[in-house]
Amino acid sequence: IDLLESFNRYWRIEEVFIPAKRDRFGRRFRFARFADVMDAQALLDKIEGTWFGTYKLRANLPRFIREEKESVDGNRRNGGAF
């Protein structure tokens, strides 16, 4: 299952990042940034525990908030990240 396609069922995805680093058990992790999230906790509750094939999704709110980036047209971008 394509991660981007799967997350788009819940909310519009702005960015997905899959680092090469693995956790201490050798598992990979992923980051998704959702666009225009007004209530991050409600979105988290909605996607927590979703199954992707044989993998159960564990979602967290970000520990660190990245600064908003300014887009090419000069508008600010923001969104919730999981």
PDB file of N, CA and C in Angstrom:
ATOM      1  N   ILE A   1       0.860  -1.181   0.000  1.00  0.00           N
ATOM      2  CA  ILE A   1       0.000   0.000   0.000  1.00  0.00           C
ATOM      3  C   ILE A   1       0.895   1.230   0.000  1.00  0.00           C
ATOM      4  N   ASP A   2       0.606   2.165  -0.861  1.00  0.00           N
ATOM      5  CA  ASP A   2       1.359   3.411  -0.930  1.00  0.00           C
ATOM      6  C   ASP A   2       1.008   4.274   0.277  1.00  0.00           C
ATOM      7  N   LEU A   3       2.031   4.707   1.020  1.00  0.00           N
ATOM      8  CA  LEU A   3       1.829   5.479   2.241  1.00  0.00           C
ATOM      9  C   LEU A   3       1.087   6.786   1.973  1.00  0.00           C
ATOM     10  N   LEU A   4       1.491   7.501   0.954  1.00  0.00           N
ATOM     11  CA  LEU A   4       0.861   8.777   0.631  1.00  0.00           C
ATOM     12  C   LEU A   4      -0.613   8.586   0.301  1.00  0.00           C
ATOM     13  N   GLU A   5      -0.907   7.595  -0.494  1.00  0.00           N
ATOM     14  CA  GLU A   5      -2.289   7.301  -0.875  1.00  0.00           C
ATOM     15  C   GLU A   5      -3.126   6.920   0.344  1.00  0.00           C
ATOM     16  N   SER A   6      -2.546   6.138   1.228  1.00  0.00           N
ATOM     17  CA  SER A   6      -3.263   5.701   2.428  1.00  0.00           C
ATOM     18  C   SER A   6      -3.576   6.859   3.362  1.00  0.00           C
ATOM     19  N   PHE A   7      -2.602   7.726   3.608  1.00  0.00           N
ATOM     20  CA  PHE A   7      -2.825   8.870   4.484  1.00  0.00           C
ATOM     21  C   PHE A   7      -3.819   9.861   3.892  1.00  0.00           C
ATOM     22  N   ASN A   8      -3.875   9.956   2.581  1.00  0.00           N
ATOM     23  CA  ASN A   8      -4.805  10.881   1.944  1.00  0.00           C
ATOM     24  C   ASN A   8      -6.261  10.510   2.203  1.00  0.00           C
ATOM     25  N   ARG A   9      -6.522   9.303   2.676  1.00  0.00           N
ATOM     26  CA  ARG A   9      -7.886   8.924   3.056  1.00  0.00           C
ATOM     27  C   ARG A   9      -8.341   9.725   4.266  1.00  0.00           C
ATOM     28  N   TYR A  10      -7.411  10.134   5.117  1.00  0.00           N
ATOM     29  CA  TYR A  10      -7.739  10.837   6.348  1.00  0.00           C
ATOM     30  C   TYR A  10      -7.662  12.353   6.214  1.00  0.00           C
ATOM     31  N   TRP A  11      -6.661  12.820   5.501  1.00  0.00           N
ATOM     32  CA  TRP A  11      -6.450  14.262   5.372  1.00  0.00           C
ATOM     33  C   TRP A  11      -5.490  14.509   4.222  1.00  0.00           C
ATOM     34  N   ARG A  12      -5.460  15.733   3.734  1.00  0.00           N
ATOM     35  CA  ARG A  12      -4.559  16.080   2.633  1.00  0.00           C
ATOM     36  C   ARG A  12      -3.112  16.097   3.134  1.00  0.00           C
ATOM     37  N   ILE A  13      -2.240  15.359   2.444  1.00  0.00           N
ATOM     38  CA  ILE A  13      -0.834  15.239   2.818  1.00  0.00           C
ATOM     39  C   ILE A  13      -0.023  16.331   2.141  1.00  0.00           C
ATOM     40  N   GLU A  14       0.818  16.965   2.926  1.00  0.00           N
ATOM     41  CA  GLU A  14       1.711  17.980   2.385  1.00  0.00           C
ATOM     42  C   GLU A  14       3.090  17.386   2.093  1.00  0.00           C
ATOM     43  N   GLU A  15       3.548  16.467   2.958  1.00  0.00           N
ATOM     44  CA  GLU A  15       4.898  15.932   2.814  1.00  0.00           C
ATOM     45  C   GLU A  15       5.009  14.588   3.538  1.00  0.00           C
ATOM     46  N   VAL A  16       5.750  13.653   2.969  1.00  0.00           N
ATOM     47  CA  VAL A  16       6.093  12.387   3.619  1.00  0.00           C
ATOM     48  C   VAL A  16       7.602  12.236   3.534  1.00  0.00           C
ATOM     49  N   PHE A  17       8.220  11.872   4.661  1.00  0.00           N
ATOM     50  CA  PHE A  17       9.667  11.702   4.710  1.00  0.00           C
ATOM     51  C   PHE A  17       9.973  10.363   5.357  1.00  0.00           C
ATOM     52  N   ILE A  18      10.818   9.554   4.695  1.00  0.00           N
ATOM     53  CA  ILE A  18      11.230   8.257   5.228  1.00  0.00           C
ATOM     54  C   ILE A  18      12.751   8.286   5.371  1.00  0.00           C
ATOM     55  N   PRO A  19      13.264   8.489   6.599  1.00  0.00           N
ATOM     56  CA  PRO A  19      14.718   8.545   6.786  1.00  0.00           C
ATOM     57  C   PRO A  19      15.351   7.158   6.653  1.00  0.00           C
ATOM     58  N   ALA A  20      16.636   7.131   6.359  1.00  0.00           N
ATOM     59  CA  ALA A  20      17.366   5.870   6.245  1.00  0.00           C
ATOM     60  C   ALA A  20      17.599   5.239   7.623  1.00  0.00           C
ATOM     61  N   LYS A  21      17.557   6.052   8.669  1.00  0.00           N
ATOM     62  CA  LYS A  21      17.790   5.581  10.035  1.00  0.00           C
ATOM     63  C   LYS A  21      16.698   4.611  10.483  1.00  0.00           C
ATOM     64  N   ARG A  22      17.079   3.646  11.300  1.00  0.00           N
ATOM     65  CA  ARG A  22      16.137   2.672  11.851  1.00  0.00           C
ATOM     66  C   ARG A  22      16.091   2.796  13.356  1.00  0.00           C
ATOM     67  N   ASP A  23      15.016   2.302  13.968  1.00  0.00           N
ATOM     68  CA  ASP A  23      14.941   2.342  15.428  1.00  0.00           C
ATOM     69  C   ASP A  23      15.803   1.221  16.012  1.00  0.00           C
ATOM     70  N   ARG A  24      15.815   1.096  17.319  1.00  0.00           N
ATOM     71  CA  ARG A  24      16.709   0.112  17.961  1.00  0.00           C
ATOM     72  C   ARG A  24      16.322  -1.334  17.669  1.00  0.00           C
ATOM     73  N   PHE A  25      15.132  -1.549  17.125  1.00  0.00           N
ATOM     74  CA  PHE A  25      14.687  -2.893  16.764  1.00  0.00           C
ATOM     75  C   PHE A  25      14.877  -3.175  15.278  1.00  0.00           C
ATOM     76  N   GLY A  26      15.476  -2.221  14.559  1.00  0.00           N
ATOM     77  CA  GLY A  26      15.729  -2.390  13.132  1.00  0.00           C
ATOM     78  C   GLY A  26      14.568  -2.001  12.235  1.00  0.00           C
ATOM     79  N   ARG A  27      13.537  -1.389  12.826  1.00  0.00           N
ATOM     80  CA  ARG A  27      12.364  -0.993  12.046  1.00  0.00           C
ATOM     81  C   ARG A  27      12.543   0.426  11.508  1.00  0.00           C
ATOM     82  N   ARG A  28      11.979   0.680  10.346  1.00  0.00           N
ATOM     83  CA  ARG A  28      12.000   2.020   9.766  1.00  0.00           C
ATOM     84  C   ARG A  28      10.814   2.809  10.297  1.00  0.00           C
ATOM     85  N   PHE A  29      10.951   4.101  10.265  1.00  0.00           N
ATOM     86  CA  PHE A  29       9.846   4.963  10.649  1.00  0.00           C
ATOM     87  C   PHE A  29       9.650   6.019   9.580  1.00  0.00           C
ATOM     88  N   ARG A  30       8.504   6.675   9.614  1.00  0.00           N
ATOM     89  CA  ARG A  30       8.152   7.651   8.598  1.00  0.00           C
ATOM     90  C   ARG A  30       7.548   8.882   9.262  1.00  0.00           C
ATOM     91  N   PHE A  31       7.651  10.005   8.572  1.00  0.00           N
ATOM     92  CA  PHE A  31       7.040  11.239   9.027  1.00  0.00           C
ATOM     93  C   PHE A  31       6.088  11.719   7.944  1.00  0.00           C
ATOM     94  N   ALA A  32       4.924  12.171   8.362  1.00  0.00           N
ATOM     95  CA  ALA A  32       3.966  12.740   7.411  1.00  0.00           C
ATOM     96  C   ALA A  32       3.539  14.103   7.933  1.00  0.00           C
ATOM     97  N   ARG A  33       3.471  15.065   7.042  1.00  0.00           N
ATOM     98  CA  ARG A  33       2.991  16.401   7.387  1.00  0.00           C
ATOM     99  C   ARG A  33       1.661  16.584   6.672  1.00  0.00           C
ATOM    100  N   PHE A  34       0.621  16.827   7.457  1.00  0.00           N
ATOM    101  CA  PHE A  34      -0.709  17.035   6.924  1.00  0.00           C
ATOM    102  C   PHE A  34      -0.940  18.530   6.744  1.00  0.00           C
ATOM    103  N   ALA A  35      -1.648  18.915   5.706  1.00  0.00           N
ATOM    104  CA  ALA A  35      -1.876  20.324   5.386  1.00  0.00           C
ATOM    105  C   ALA A  35      -3.118  20.860   6.099  1.00  0.00           C
ATOM    106  N   ASP A  36      -3.032  22.089   6.561  1.00  0.00           N
ATOM    107  CA  ASP A  36      -4.175  22.833   7.107  1.00  0.00           C
ATOM    108  C   ASP A  36      -4.925  22.094   8.208  1.00  0.00           C
ATOM    109  N   VAL A  37      -4.206  21.580   9.185  1.00  0.00           N
ATOM    110  CA  VAL A  37      -4.815  20.860  10.300  1.00  0.00           C
ATOM    111  C   VAL A  37      -5.224  21.863  11.371  1.00  0.00           C
ATOM    112  N   MET A  38      -6.492  21.875  11.724  1.00  0.00           N
ATOM    113  CA  MET A  38      -6.980  22.780  12.770  1.00  0.00           C
ATOM    114  C   MET A  38      -6.928  22.112  14.143  1.00  0.00           C
ATOM    115  N   ASP A  39      -7.191  20.801  14.210  1.00  0.00           N
ATOM    116  CA  ASP A  39      -7.195  20.073  15.473  1.00  0.00           C
ATOM    117  C   ASP A  39      -6.328  18.828  15.309  1.00  0.00           C
ATOM    118  N   ALA A  40      -5.049  18.964  15.651  1.00  0.00           N
ATOM    119  CA  ALA A  40      -4.089  17.866  15.464  1.00  0.00           C
ATOM    120  C   ALA A  40      -4.446  16.657  16.311  1.00  0.00           C
ATOM    121  N   GLN A  41      -4.937  16.865  17.531  1.00  0.00           N
ATOM    122  CA  GLN A  41      -5.278  15.739  18.401  1.00  0.00           C
ATOM    123  C   GLN A  41      -6.429  14.937  17.816  1.00  0.00           C
ATOM    124  N   ALA A  42      -7.423  15.591  17.239  1.00  0.00           N
ATOM    125  CA  ALA A  42      -8.552  14.882  16.626  1.00  0.00           C
ATOM    126  C   ALA A  42      -8.084  14.043  15.439  1.00  0.00           C
ATOM    127  N   LEU A  43      -7.171  14.588  14.630  1.00  0.00           N
ATOM    128  CA  LEU A  43      -6.625  13.832  13.503  1.00  0.00           C
ATOM    129  C   LEU A  43      -5.810  12.642  14.007  1.00  0.00           C
ATOM    130  N   LEU A  44      -5.013  12.872  15.043  1.00  0.00           N
ATOM    131  CA  LEU A  44      -4.225  11.786  15.638  1.00  0.00           C
ATOM    132  C   LEU A  44      -5.132  10.663  16.125  1.00  0.00           C
ATOM    133  N   ASP A  45      -6.202  11.010  16.826  1.00  0.00           N
ATOM    134  CA  ASP A  45      -7.148  10.002  17.319  1.00  0.00           C
ATOM    135  C   ASP A  45      -7.784   9.221  16.175  1.00  0.00           C
ATOM    136  N   LYS A  46      -8.005   9.906  15.060  1.00  0.00           N
ATOM    137  CA  LYS A  46      -8.641   9.275  13.907  1.00  0.00           C
ATOM    138  C   LYS A  46      -7.720   8.249  13.233  1.00  0.00           C
ATOM    139  N   ILE A  47      -6.412   8.535  13.149  1.00  0.00           N
ATOM    140  CA  ILE A  47      -5.514   7.640  12.422  1.00  0.00           C
ATOM    141  C   ILE A  47      -4.781   6.640  13.317  1.00  0.00           C
ATOM    142  N   GLU A  48      -4.758   6.874  14.619  1.00  0.00           N
ATOM    143  CA  GLU A  48      -4.048   5.979  15.538  1.00  0.00           C
ATOM    144  C   GLU A  48      -4.617   4.562  15.447  1.00  0.00           C
ATOM    145  N   GLY A  49      -3.744   3.593  15.289  1.00  0.00           N
ATOM    146  CA  GLY A  49      -4.157   2.200  15.255  1.00  0.00           C
ATOM    147  C   GLY A  49      -4.604   1.691  13.896  1.00  0.00           C
ATOM    148  N   THR A  50      -4.486   2.499  12.857  1.00  0.00           N
ATOM    149  CA  THR A  50      -4.841   2.068  11.510  1.00  0.00           C
ATOM    150  C   THR A  50      -3.873   0.978  11.059  1.00  0.00           C
ATOM    151  N   TRP A  51      -4.375  -0.013  10.348  1.00  0.00           N
ATOM    152  CA  TRP A  51      -3.539  -1.093   9.830  1.00  0.00           C
ATOM    153  C   TRP A  51      -3.197  -0.845   8.375  1.00  0.00           C
ATOM    154  N   PHE A  52      -1.927  -1.012   8.016  1.00  0.00           N
ATOM    155  CA  PHE A  52      -1.443  -0.962   6.640  1.00  0.00           C
ATOM    156  C   PHE A  52      -0.887  -2.339   6.334  1.00  0.00           C
ATOM    157  N   GLY A  53      -1.707  -3.183   5.737  1.00  0.00           N
ATOM    158  CA  GLY A  53      -1.281  -4.566   5.516  1.00  0.00           C
ATOM    159  C   GLY A  53      -1.095  -5.245   6.859  1.00  0.00           C
ATOM    160  N   THR A  54       0.125  -5.677   7.157  1.00  0.00           N
ATOM    161  CA  THR A  54       0.403  -6.344   8.436  1.00  0.00           C
ATOM    162  C   THR A  54       1.029  -5.402   9.467  1.00  0.00           C
ATOM    163  N   TYR A  55       1.067  -4.105   9.172  1.00  0.00           N
ATOM    164  CA  TYR A  55       1.684  -3.121  10.067  1.00  0.00           C
ATOM    165  C   TYR A  55       0.636  -2.221  10.696  1.00  0.00           C
ATOM    166  N   LYS A  56       0.712  -2.074  12.005  1.00  0.00           N
ATOM    167  CA  LYS A  56      -0.198  -1.199  12.727  1.00  0.00           C
ATOM    168  C   LYS A  56       0.461   0.168  12.905  1.00  0.00           C
ATOM    169  N   LEU A  57      -0.261   1.211  12.547  1.00  0.00           N
ATOM    170  CA  LEU A  57       0.253   2.571  12.627  1.00  0.00           C
ATOM    171  C   LEU A  57       0.289   3.048  14.076  1.00  0.00           C
ATOM    172  N   ARG A  58       1.426   3.601  14.448  1.00  0.00           N
ATOM    173  CA  ARG A  58       1.549   4.299  15.734  1.00  0.00           C
ATOM    174  C   ARG A  58       1.816   5.756  15.391  1.00  0.00           C
ATOM    175  N   ALA A  59       0.999   6.641  15.879  1.00  0.00           N
ATOM    176  CA  ALA A  59       1.124   8.056  15.520  1.00  0.00           C
ATOM    177  C   ALA A  59       1.376   8.892  16.767  1.00  0.00           C
ATOM    178  N   ASN A  60       2.162   9.936  16.606  1.00  0.00           N
ATOM    179  CA  ASN A  60       2.477  10.860  17.692  1.00  0.00           C
ATOM    180  C   ASN A  60       2.388  12.279  17.166  1.00  0.00           C
ATOM    181  N   LEU A  61       2.136  13.205  18.064  1.00  0.00           N
ATOM    182  CA  LEU A  61       2.273  14.608  17.711  1.00  0.00           C
ATOM    183  C   LEU A  61       3.762  14.926  17.728  1.00  0.00           C
ATOM    184  N   PRO A  62       4.202  15.873  16.920  1.00  0.00           N
ATOM    185  CA  PRO A  62       5.637  16.172  16.858  1.00  0.00           C
ATOM    186  C   PRO A  62       6.153  16.752  18.177  1.00  0.00           C
ATOM    187  N   ARG A  63       7.383  16.371  18.543  1.00  0.00           N
ATOM    188  CA  ARG A  63       8.020  16.940  19.733  1.00  0.00           C
ATOM    189  C   ARG A  63       8.539  18.338  19.454  1.00  0.00           C
ATOM    190  N   PHE A  64       8.951  18.553  18.225  1.00  0.00           N
ATOM    191  CA  PHE A  64       9.517  19.835  17.832  1.00  0.00           C
ATOM    192  C   PHE A  64       8.717  20.369  16.650  1.00  0.00           C
ATOM    193  N   ILE A  65       8.453  21.628  16.659  1.00  0.00           N
ATOM    194  CA  ILE A  65       7.717  22.267  15.574  1.00  0.00           C
ATOM    195  C   ILE A  65       8.720  22.995  14.690  1.00  0.00           C
ATOM    196  N   ARG A  66       8.712  22.641  13.400  1.00  0.00           N
ATOM    197  CA  ARG A  66       9.585  23.340  12.458  1.00  0.00           C
ATOM    198  C   ARG A  66       9.027  24.724  12.197  1.00  0.00           C
ATOM    199  N   GLU A  67       9.928  25.648  11.921  1.00  0.00           N
ATOM    200  CA  GLU A  67       9.485  26.987  11.575  1.00  0.00           C
ATOM    201  C   GLU A  67       8.719  26.920  10.264  1.00  0.00           C
ATOM    202  N   GLU A  68       7.743  27.809  10.131  1.00  0.00           N
ATOM    203  CA  GLU A  68       6.980  27.863   8.892  1.00  0.00           C
ATOM    204  C   GLU A  68       7.900  28.286   7.764  1.00  0.00           C
ATOM    205  N   LYS A  69       7.715  27.667   6.623  1.00  0.00           N
ATOM    206  CA  LYS A  69       8.505  28.012   5.450  1.00  0.00           C
ATOM    207  C   LYS A  69       7.699  28.973   4.590  1.00  0.00           C
ATOM    208  N   GLU A  70       8.389  29.849   3.930  1.00  0.00           N
ATOM    209  CA  GLU A  70       7.716  30.741   3.011  1.00  0.00           C
ATOM    210  C   GLU A  70       7.782  30.122   1.623  1.00  0.00           C
ATOM    211  N   SER A  71       6.645  30.007   0.980  1.00  0.00           N
ATOM    212  CA  SER A  71       6.599  29.385  -0.338  1.00  0.00           C
ATOM    213  C   SER A  71       7.070  30.369  -1.402  1.00  0.00           C
ATOM    214  N   VAL A  72       7.157  29.897  -2.622  1.00  0.00           N
ATOM    215  CA  VAL A  72       7.623  30.704  -3.739  1.00  0.00           C
ATOM    216  C   VAL A  72       6.748  31.940  -3.936  1.00  0.00           C
ATOM    217  N   ASP A  73       5.442  31.810  -3.703  1.00  0.00           N
ATOM    218  CA  ASP A  73       4.550  32.952  -3.914  1.00  0.00           C
ATOM    219  C   ASP A  73       4.493  33.901  -2.721  1.00  0.00           C
ATOM    220  N   GLY A  74       5.301  33.637  -1.681  1.00  0.00           N
ATOM    221  CA  GLY A  74       5.387  34.534  -0.533  1.00  0.00           C
ATOM    222  C   GLY A  74       4.420  34.207   0.583  1.00  0.00           C
ATOM    223  N   ASN A  75       3.553  33.215   0.408  1.00  0.00           N
ATOM    224  CA  ASN A  75       2.620  32.818   1.457  1.00  0.00           C
ATOM    225  C   ASN A  75       3.289  31.869   2.425  1.00  0.00           C
ATOM    226  N   ARG A  76       2.855  31.882   3.654  1.00  0.00           N
ATOM    227  CA  ARG A  76       3.397  30.978   4.656  1.00  0.00           C
ATOM    228  C   ARG A  76       2.709  29.637   4.551  1.00  0.00           C
ATOM    229  N   ARG A  77       3.468  28.558   4.789  1.00  0.00           N
ATOM    230  CA  ARG A  77       2.915  27.209   4.784  1.00  0.00           C
ATOM    231  C   ARG A  77       2.944  26.700   6.206  1.00  0.00           C
ATOM    232  N   ASN A  78       1.908  25.969   6.589  1.00  0.00           N
ATOM    233  CA  ASN A  78       1.929  25.297   7.888  1.00  0.00           C
ATOM    234  C   ASN A  78       1.099  24.035   7.772  1.00  0.00           C
ATOM    235  N   GLY A  79       1.156  23.207   8.797  1.00  0.00           N
ATOM    236  CA  GLY A  79       0.394  21.975   8.790  1.00  0.00           C
ATOM    237  C   GLY A  79       0.789  21.120   9.984  1.00  0.00           C
ATOM    238  N   GLY A  80      -0.013  20.110  10.296  1.00  0.00           N
ATOM    239  CA  GLY A  80       0.312  19.204  11.374  1.00  0.00           C
ATOM    240  C   GLY A  80       1.220  18.104  10.885  1.00  0.00           C
ATOM    241  N   ALA A  81       2.104  17.648  11.725  1.00  0.00           N
ATOM    242  CA  ALA A  81       3.015  16.587  11.332  1.00  0.00           C
ATOM    243  C   ALA A  81       2.841  15.405  12.249  1.00  0.00           C
ATOM    244  N   PHE A  82       2.942  14.174  11.716  1.00  0.00           N
ATOM    245  CA  PHE A  82       2.857  12.945  12.492  1.00  0.00           C
ATOM    246  C   PHE A  82       3.968  12.042  12.099  1.00  0.00           C
TER     247      PHE A  82
END
